[in-house]
Amino acid sequence: MSASGHERILLAHGGGGQLMDELIRRHILPGLANDTLAELGDSARLNLTSGSLCFTTDSYVVKPLFFNGGDIGKLAVCGTVNDLAVAGARPAALTLSLIIEDGFEIEVLDRILASVAAAARESSVEVVTGDTKTVEAGAADKIFINTAGLGVRVAGADLGFEKIAAGDRILINGTIGDHGMTIISQREDMGFQSGLESDCAALASLTCRLLENTMAIRFMRDPTRGGLAATLNEIAGGAGLSIEIRETDIPVKPAVQAAAEMLGFDVLTIANEGKFVAVVERESAERCLSLCRDHPLGKNAKIIGEVVETRDVPTVEMETRIGGRRIVQMPYGRELPRIC
């Protein structure tokens, strides 16, 4: 039995009265405690001295709620932190909004909130404000989470499509496809799921390390929905330049590759939640690679290709393992539903 005397969420928990107050004070606030959040104001007051801020928002509807390597709470924090990180910012504060179905187990909610708190601590970021809504059973598939994030841009960071030039190298900080294949394997209860684990992780400590130790970073993006294929096509299109990659240099865990082939997926299009793609100056590419590999989240980093001049329209082309070449197209639509 929860502290409020209920084992499940009721519609009344979102009604603004005593039950909502108890839910906030006894279940949400304890793990996320900080002075700003404790004020419970309609907005958070933050003292930020930087003249350059980054702001992002995202929503999380993953199914299942818990998976190998994480859960919806950890995913919500890491996903928002990563959106700030690849923009060249150090995360400063997050919001947390919960949309919870009538009948949702409070014990499960507590587990999710504990994961939110742990991920926020690991990322050195505070949840400073939020909102809670309850909806009828069946209206939200148990729980949806929305977050917004505010970050302070790292001094000297100047990223953008317009910075990218022919000759720049393409760097990724580790193996691809881990998150998407983990989600689909657990969703379908497939036998190979024990060999798969989501890469869900907050990347700001690594991206800030790069930005603070080199001026060679031209652009960064995290390859979530649509995977590496979508991200590289977005970079090529935004820069007006083409990209050439080498299949043999793309890091993929054997279990992920086997699962993707068994199910007919292209591993290049599968979602990631702990990876970033960076476009770096050619002369400093090896230094950037070394900086990544000295960090736990970049030990499997690889340089997978380079930016080249465009002959007709910007394209992404891959040299295959057998020496052929193929165009890597932007995915048409979703391959794996509800992966984040």
Protein backbone atom coordinates (compact mmCIF):
# COMPACT_ATOMS: atom_id res chain seq x y z
CA MET A 1 0.00 0.00 0.00
CA SER A 2 1.37 3.40 -0.93
CA ALA A 3 1.79 6.26 1.52
CA SER A 4 -1.39 7.84 0.20
CA GLY A 5 -3.39 4.70 0.93
CA HIS A 6 -3.86 3.70 -2.72
CA GLU A 7 -2.08 1.05 -4.75
CA ARG A 8 -3.17 2.42 -8.14
CA ILE A 9 -3.57 5.81 -9.76
CA LEU A 10 -7.12 7.20 -9.71
CA LEU A 11 -8.51 9.90 -11.95
CA ALA A 12 -8.78 11.96 -8.77
CA HIS A 13 -4.97 11.97 -8.48
CA GLY A 14 -5.01 14.52 -11.32
CA GLY A 15 -7.83 16.61 -9.96
CA GLY A 16 -5.82 19.25 -8.15
CA GLY A 17 -7.02 18.26 -4.66
CA GLN A 18 -5.72 16.29 -1.70
CA LEU A 19 -4.92 13.12 -3.65
CA MET A 20 -2.89 15.04 -6.20
CA ASP A 21 -1.03 16.87 -3.45
CA GLU A 22 -0.22 13.55 -1.75
CA LEU A 23 0.95 12.01 -5.03
CA ILE A 24 3.32 14.91 -5.65
CA ARG A 25 4.66 15.21 -2.10
CA ARG A 26 4.94 11.52 -1.25
CA HIS A 27 5.93 9.98 -4.57
CA ILE A 28 7.29 12.58 -7.01
CA LEU A 29 9.19 15.09 -4.88
CA PRO A 30 11.28 12.84 -2.59
CA GLY A 31 13.57 11.38 -5.25
CA LEU A 32 13.86 14.61 -7.24
CA ALA A 33 14.33 16.96 -4.28
CA ASN A 34 16.02 20.31 -4.90
CA ASP A 35 15.34 23.85 -3.72
CA THR A 36 13.86 25.04 -7.01
CA LEU A 37 11.43 22.14 -7.34
CA ALA A 38 10.46 22.38 -3.67
CA GLU A 39 8.88 25.78 -4.29
CA LEU A 40 6.17 24.06 -6.38
CA GLY A 41 5.56 27.25 -8.31
CA ASP A 42 3.85 27.55 -11.66
CA SER A 43 7.30 28.10 -13.16
CA ALA A 44 10.87 27.56 -12.02
CA ARG A 45 13.22 30.44 -11.27
CA LEU A 46 16.73 29.75 -12.55
CA ASN A 47 19.86 31.82 -12.09
CA LEU A 48 21.84 31.38 -15.31
CA THR A 49 24.72 33.67 -16.27
CA SER A 50 25.35 32.48 -19.82
CA GLY A 51 24.24 34.58 -22.75
CA SER A 52 23.81 31.48 -24.92
CA LEU A 53 21.19 28.92 -23.99
CA CYS A 54 19.76 25.84 -25.70
CA PHE A 55 16.19 24.66 -25.15
CA THR A 56 14.51 21.42 -26.20
CA THR A 57 11.44 19.29 -25.51
CA ASP A 58 10.46 15.69 -26.17
CA SER A 59 7.81 13.10 -25.32
CA TYR A 60 8.32 9.43 -24.47
CA VAL A 61 5.82 6.66 -25.19
CA VAL A 62 8.06 3.58 -25.25
CA LYS A 63 6.61 0.09 -24.98
CA PRO A 64 7.52 -1.93 -22.93
CA LEU A 65 8.02 0.53 -20.08
CA PHE A 66 10.97 -1.50 -18.75
CA PHE A 67 13.59 -3.06 -21.01
CA ASN A 68 17.12 -4.43 -20.83
CA GLY A 69 19.33 -1.41 -20.13
CA GLY A 70 16.68 1.05 -19.05
CA ASP A 71 13.06 2.12 -18.76
CA ILE A 72 10.83 5.02 -19.77
CA GLY A 73 12.10 7.16 -16.87
CA LYS A 74 15.77 6.80 -17.71
CA LEU A 75 14.96 7.24 -21.39
CA ALA A 76 13.12 10.50 -20.75
CA VAL A 77 16.06 12.05 -18.94
CA CYS A 78 18.77 10.72 -21.24
CA GLY A 79 16.89 11.58 -24.41
CA THR A 80 16.44 15.20 -23.42
CA VAL A 81 19.97 15.54 -22.05
CA ASN A 82 21.28 14.17 -25.35
CA ASP A 83 19.31 16.65 -27.44
CA LEU A 84 21.02 19.43 -25.49
CA ALA A 85 24.41 17.71 -25.61
CA VAL A 86 24.55 17.42 -29.40
CA ALA A 87 23.57 21.09 -29.66
CA GLY A 88 26.81 21.90 -27.84
CA ALA A 89 25.23 22.57 -24.45
CA ARG A 90 25.77 21.42 -20.90
CA PRO A 91 22.35 20.50 -19.44
CA ALA A 92 21.22 22.78 -16.62
CA ALA A 93 17.58 21.92 -15.84
CA LEU A 94 14.73 19.64 -16.89
CA THR A 95 10.97 19.63 -16.62
CA LEU A 96 8.98 16.44 -16.04
CA SER A 97 5.34 16.01 -17.04
CA LEU A 98 3.47 12.76 -16.46
CA ILE A 99 0.29 11.59 -18.19
CA ILE A 100 -0.90 8.56 -16.21
CA GLU A 101 -3.80 6.20 -16.79
CA ASP A 102 -6.45 5.47 -14.21
CA GLY A 103 -5.46 2.16 -12.60
CA PHE A 104 -1.69 2.48 -13.10
CA GLU A 105 0.18 0.81 -10.23
CA ILE A 106 1.77 3.33 -7.88
CA GLU A 107 4.59 0.87 -7.12
CA VAL A 108 5.48 0.90 -10.84
CA LEU A 109 5.29 4.70 -10.88
CA ASP A 110 7.72 4.79 -7.95
CA ARG A 111 10.17 2.60 -9.89
CA ILE A 112 9.98 4.92 -12.89
CA LEU A 113 10.45 8.02 -10.75
CA ALA A 114 13.44 6.43 -8.99
CA SER A 115 14.97 5.84 -12.42
CA VAL A 116 14.31 9.47 -13.40
CA ALA A 117 16.04 10.63 -10.24
CA ALA A 118 19.04 8.33 -10.75
CA ALA A 119 19.50 9.38 -14.38
CA ALA A 120 19.24 13.06 -13.44
CA ARG A 121 21.87 12.67 -10.73
CA GLU A 122 24.22 10.87 -13.10
CA SER A 123 23.78 13.69 -15.60
CA SER A 124 24.29 16.40 -12.95
CA VAL A 125 21.00 17.99 -13.92
CA GLU A 126 17.98 18.86 -11.77
CA VAL A 127 14.27 18.41 -12.48
CA VAL A 128 13.01 21.86 -11.51
CA THR A 129 9.32 21.85 -12.46
CA GLY A 130 6.66 19.60 -13.92
CA ASP A 131 3.04 18.61 -14.24
CA THR A 132 0.85 15.57 -13.59
CA LYS A 133 -2.29 14.62 -15.47
CA THR A 134 -4.49 11.54 -15.14
CA VAL A 135 -6.63 10.12 -17.96
CA GLU A 136 -9.15 7.31 -18.34
CA ALA A 137 -7.89 3.74 -18.62
CA GLY A 138 -6.87 3.02 -22.21
CA ALA A 139 -6.25 6.66 -23.13
CA ALA A 140 -2.45 6.72 -22.66
CA ASP A 141 -1.14 3.14 -22.69
CA LYS A 142 -0.32 3.29 -18.96
CA ILE A 143 2.02 6.30 -18.84
CA PHE A 144 3.45 8.93 -21.17
CA ILE A 145 6.26 11.30 -20.16
CA ASN A 146 7.09 14.73 -21.55
CA THR A 147 10.30 16.55 -20.70
CA ALA A 148 11.84 19.85 -21.63
CA GLY A 149 15.48 20.73 -21.13
CA LEU A 150 17.50 23.90 -20.76
CA GLY A 151 21.25 23.94 -21.30
CA VAL A 152 24.13 26.40 -21.30
CA ARG A 153 26.21 26.34 -24.47
CA VAL A 154 29.82 25.28 -23.95
CA ALA A 155 32.19 28.22 -24.42
CA GLY A 156 33.51 28.27 -27.97
CA ALA A 157 31.05 25.69 -29.29
CA ASP A 158 29.88 26.80 -32.73
CA LEU A 159 28.03 23.99 -34.47
CA GLY A 160 25.90 24.06 -37.59
CA PHE A 161 25.33 22.61 -41.04
CA GLU A 162 27.08 25.62 -42.52
CA LYS A 163 30.32 24.69 -40.72
CA ILE A 164 30.61 21.34 -42.52
CA ALA A 165 33.18 21.12 -45.32
CA ALA A 166 34.37 18.51 -47.80
CA GLY A 167 37.10 16.41 -46.20
CA ASP A 168 35.54 16.41 -42.74
CA ARG A 169 35.34 13.02 -41.07
CA ILE A 170 32.25 11.26 -39.69
CA LEU A 171 32.67 9.92 -36.16
CA ILE A 172 30.28 7.81 -34.09
CA ASN A 173 30.87 7.05 -30.41
CA GLY A 174 29.90 3.36 -30.46
CA THR A 175 27.78 0.49 -31.73
CA ILE A 176 24.51 1.14 -33.53
CA GLY A 177 21.06 -0.49 -33.33
CA ASP A 178 21.25 -1.60 -29.70
CA HIS A 179 18.17 0.22 -28.43
CA GLY A 180 15.76 -0.51 -31.27
CA MET A 181 16.55 -4.22 -31.46
CA THR A 182 16.29 -4.56 -27.67
CA ILE A 183 12.84 -2.98 -27.66
CA ILE A 184 11.46 -5.11 -30.49
CA SER A 185 12.92 -8.32 -29.04
CA GLN A 186 11.34 -7.74 -25.63
CA ARG A 187 8.08 -6.55 -27.11
CA GLU A 188 7.73 -9.73 -29.13
CA ASP A 189 9.33 -11.96 -26.42
CA MET A 190 11.88 -13.34 -28.86
CA GLY A 191 14.40 -15.95 -27.81
CA PHE A 192 17.51 -13.88 -28.64
CA GLN A 193 16.60 -10.99 -26.35
CA SER A 194 19.06 -12.05 -23.61
CA GLY A 195 21.96 -11.01 -25.86
CA LEU A 196 20.60 -7.51 -26.43
CA GLU A 197 20.71 -4.43 -24.23
CA SER A 198 19.67 -0.85 -24.91
CA ASP A 199 22.44 1.73 -25.16
CA CYS A 200 20.29 4.28 -23.28
CA ALA A 201 22.75 6.74 -21.74
CA ALA A 202 23.25 10.48 -21.20
CA LEU A 203 25.99 11.78 -23.48
CA ALA A 204 26.68 15.27 -22.13
CA SER A 205 29.81 14.29 -20.19
CA LEU A 206 31.36 12.96 -23.41
CA THR A 207 30.19 15.71 -25.77
CA CYS A 208 31.32 18.41 -23.35
CA ARG A 209 34.69 16.67 -23.07
CA LEU A 210 35.08 16.90 -26.83
CA LEU A 211 33.94 20.51 -27.07
CA GLU A 212 36.14 21.66 -24.20
CA ASN A 213 39.28 19.98 -25.54
CA THR A 214 39.10 20.64 -29.26
CA MET A 215 37.69 23.21 -31.66
CA ALA A 216 37.36 20.55 -34.37
CA ILE A 217 33.67 19.68 -33.94
CA ARG A 218 31.59 21.03 -36.83
CA PHE A 219 28.24 19.41 -36.09
CA MET A 220 26.64 16.74 -33.87
CA ARG A 221 23.33 14.87 -33.88
CA ASP A 222 22.01 11.82 -32.04
CA PRO A 223 20.75 9.04 -34.36
CA THR A 224 17.50 8.12 -32.62
CA ARG A 225 14.42 7.41 -34.75
CA GLY A 226 15.52 6.54 -38.28
CA GLY A 227 18.93 5.52 -36.99
CA LEU A 228 22.26 6.28 -38.61
CA ALA A 229 20.72 6.34 -42.09
CA ALA A 230 18.33 9.18 -41.25
CA THR A 231 20.97 11.20 -39.41
CA LEU A 232 23.55 10.99 -42.21
CA ASN A 233 20.93 11.98 -44.79
CA GLU A 234 19.90 14.94 -42.63
CA ILE A 235 23.53 16.04 -42.40
CA ALA A 236 24.10 15.66 -46.15
CA GLY A 237 20.93 17.55 -46.99
CA GLY A 238 21.57 20.31 -44.45
CA ALA A 239 25.17 20.83 -45.56
CA GLY A 240 24.50 20.44 -49.29
CA LEU A 241 27.35 17.91 -49.45
CA SER A 242 27.56 14.16 -49.87
CA ILE A 243 28.81 11.57 -47.39
CA GLU A 244 30.70 8.36 -48.01
CA ILE A 245 30.85 5.68 -45.31
CA ARG A 246 32.44 2.25 -45.05
CA GLU A 247 30.36 -0.69 -43.85
CA THR A 248 33.42 -2.40 -42.36
CA ASP A 249 34.04 0.60 -40.08
CA ILE A 250 30.51 0.84 -38.67
CA PRO A 251 30.49 -0.73 -35.17
CA VAL A 252 27.66 -3.24 -34.69
CA LYS A 253 27.39 -5.89 -32.00
CA PRO A 254 27.08 -9.40 -33.48
CA ALA A 255 23.85 -10.08 -31.54
CA VAL A 256 22.27 -6.90 -32.92
CA GLN A 257 23.35 -7.69 -36.47
CA ALA A 258 22.02 -11.24 -36.20
CA ALA A 259 18.68 -10.09 -34.80
CA ALA A 260 18.29 -7.42 -37.48
CA GLU A 261 19.02 -9.88 -40.27
CA MET A 262 16.65 -12.47 -38.81
CA LEU A 263 13.82 -9.93 -38.72
CA GLY A 264 14.64 -8.28 -42.04
CA PHE A 265 15.71 -4.89 -40.67
CA ASP A 266 18.50 -2.70 -41.99
CA VAL A 267 20.69 -2.01 -38.95
CA LEU A 268 21.45 1.47 -40.35
CA THR A 269 17.82 2.51 -39.78
CA ILE A 270 17.43 1.15 -36.24
CA ALA A 271 17.13 3.62 -33.35
CA ASN A 272 19.85 4.42 -30.84
CA GLU A 273 19.57 6.18 -27.48
CA GLY A 274 23.20 6.53 -26.37
CA LYS A 275 25.00 7.49 -29.55
CA PHE A 276 25.96 10.65 -31.38
CA VAL A 277 27.32 11.31 -34.84
CA ALA A 278 29.91 14.07 -35.05
CA VAL A 279 31.32 15.78 -38.11
CA VAL A 280 34.92 16.70 -37.28
CA GLU A 281 37.77 18.44 -39.07
CA ARG A 282 40.00 16.00 -40.95
CA GLU A 283 43.21 17.18 -39.27
CA SER A 284 41.82 16.62 -35.76
CA ALA A 285 39.80 13.46 -36.38
CA GLU A 286 42.25 11.11 -34.66
CA ARG A 287 42.43 13.38 -31.61
CA CYS A 288 38.64 13.44 -31.39
CA LEU A 289 38.59 9.66 -31.69
CA SER A 290 41.13 9.35 -28.88
CA LEU A 291 39.12 11.69 -26.64
CA CYS A 292 36.05 9.53 -27.22
CA ARG A 293 37.81 6.24 -26.56
CA ASP A 294 39.14 7.52 -23.23
CA HIS A 295 35.53 7.92 -22.04
CA PRO A 296 33.25 4.99 -20.99
CA LEU A 297 30.58 6.03 -23.50
CA GLY A 298 33.04 6.26 -26.38
CA LYS A 299 35.30 3.22 -25.99
CA ASN A 300 33.92 1.72 -29.23
CA ALA A 301 34.07 4.96 -31.19
CA LYS A 302 34.99 4.76 -34.87
CA ILE A 303 35.57 7.07 -37.80
CA ILE A 304 33.16 5.64 -40.36
CA GLY A 305 33.50 7.92 -43.36
CA GLU A 306 33.93 11.42 -44.70
CA VAL A 307 32.17 14.37 -46.29
CA VAL A 308 32.74 14.78 -50.04
CA GLU A 309 31.76 17.25 -52.74
CA THR A 310 28.36 16.73 -54.32
CA ARG A 311 28.22 15.96 -58.03
CA ASP A 312 24.45 16.24 -58.44
CA VAL A 313 22.33 16.09 -55.29
CA PRO A 314 23.58 15.37 -51.73
CA THR A 315 23.65 11.63 -51.16
CA VAL A 316 24.93 9.13 -48.60
CA GLU A 317 26.83 6.26 -50.18
CA MET A 318 28.27 3.20 -48.46
CA GLU A 319 31.15 0.99 -49.52
CA THR A 320 29.91 -2.51 -48.67
CA ARG A 321 31.85 -5.36 -47.11
CA ILE A 322 32.27 -7.05 -50.49
CA GLY A 323 33.60 -3.93 -52.16
CA GLY A 324 30.42 -2.73 -53.84
CA ARG A 325 28.66 0.58 -53.29
CA ARG A 326 25.06 1.37 -52.41
CA ILE A 327 23.03 4.47 -51.69
CA VAL A 328 21.90 4.78 -48.08
CA GLN A 329 18.45 6.30 -48.36
CA MET A 330 16.45 8.26 -45.83
CA PRO A 331 14.01 5.78 -44.23
CA TYR A 332 10.53 6.22 -45.64
CA GLY A 333 8.69 5.74 -42.35
CA ARG A 334 8.92 3.96 -39.04
CA GLU A 335 10.29 0.43 -38.94
CA LEU A 336 10.07 -0.05 -35.19
CA PRO A 337 7.03 1.59 -33.56
CA ARG A 338 7.16 3.06 -30.06
CA ILE A 339 10.91 2.81 -29.48
CA CYS A 340 11.21 6.03 -27.48
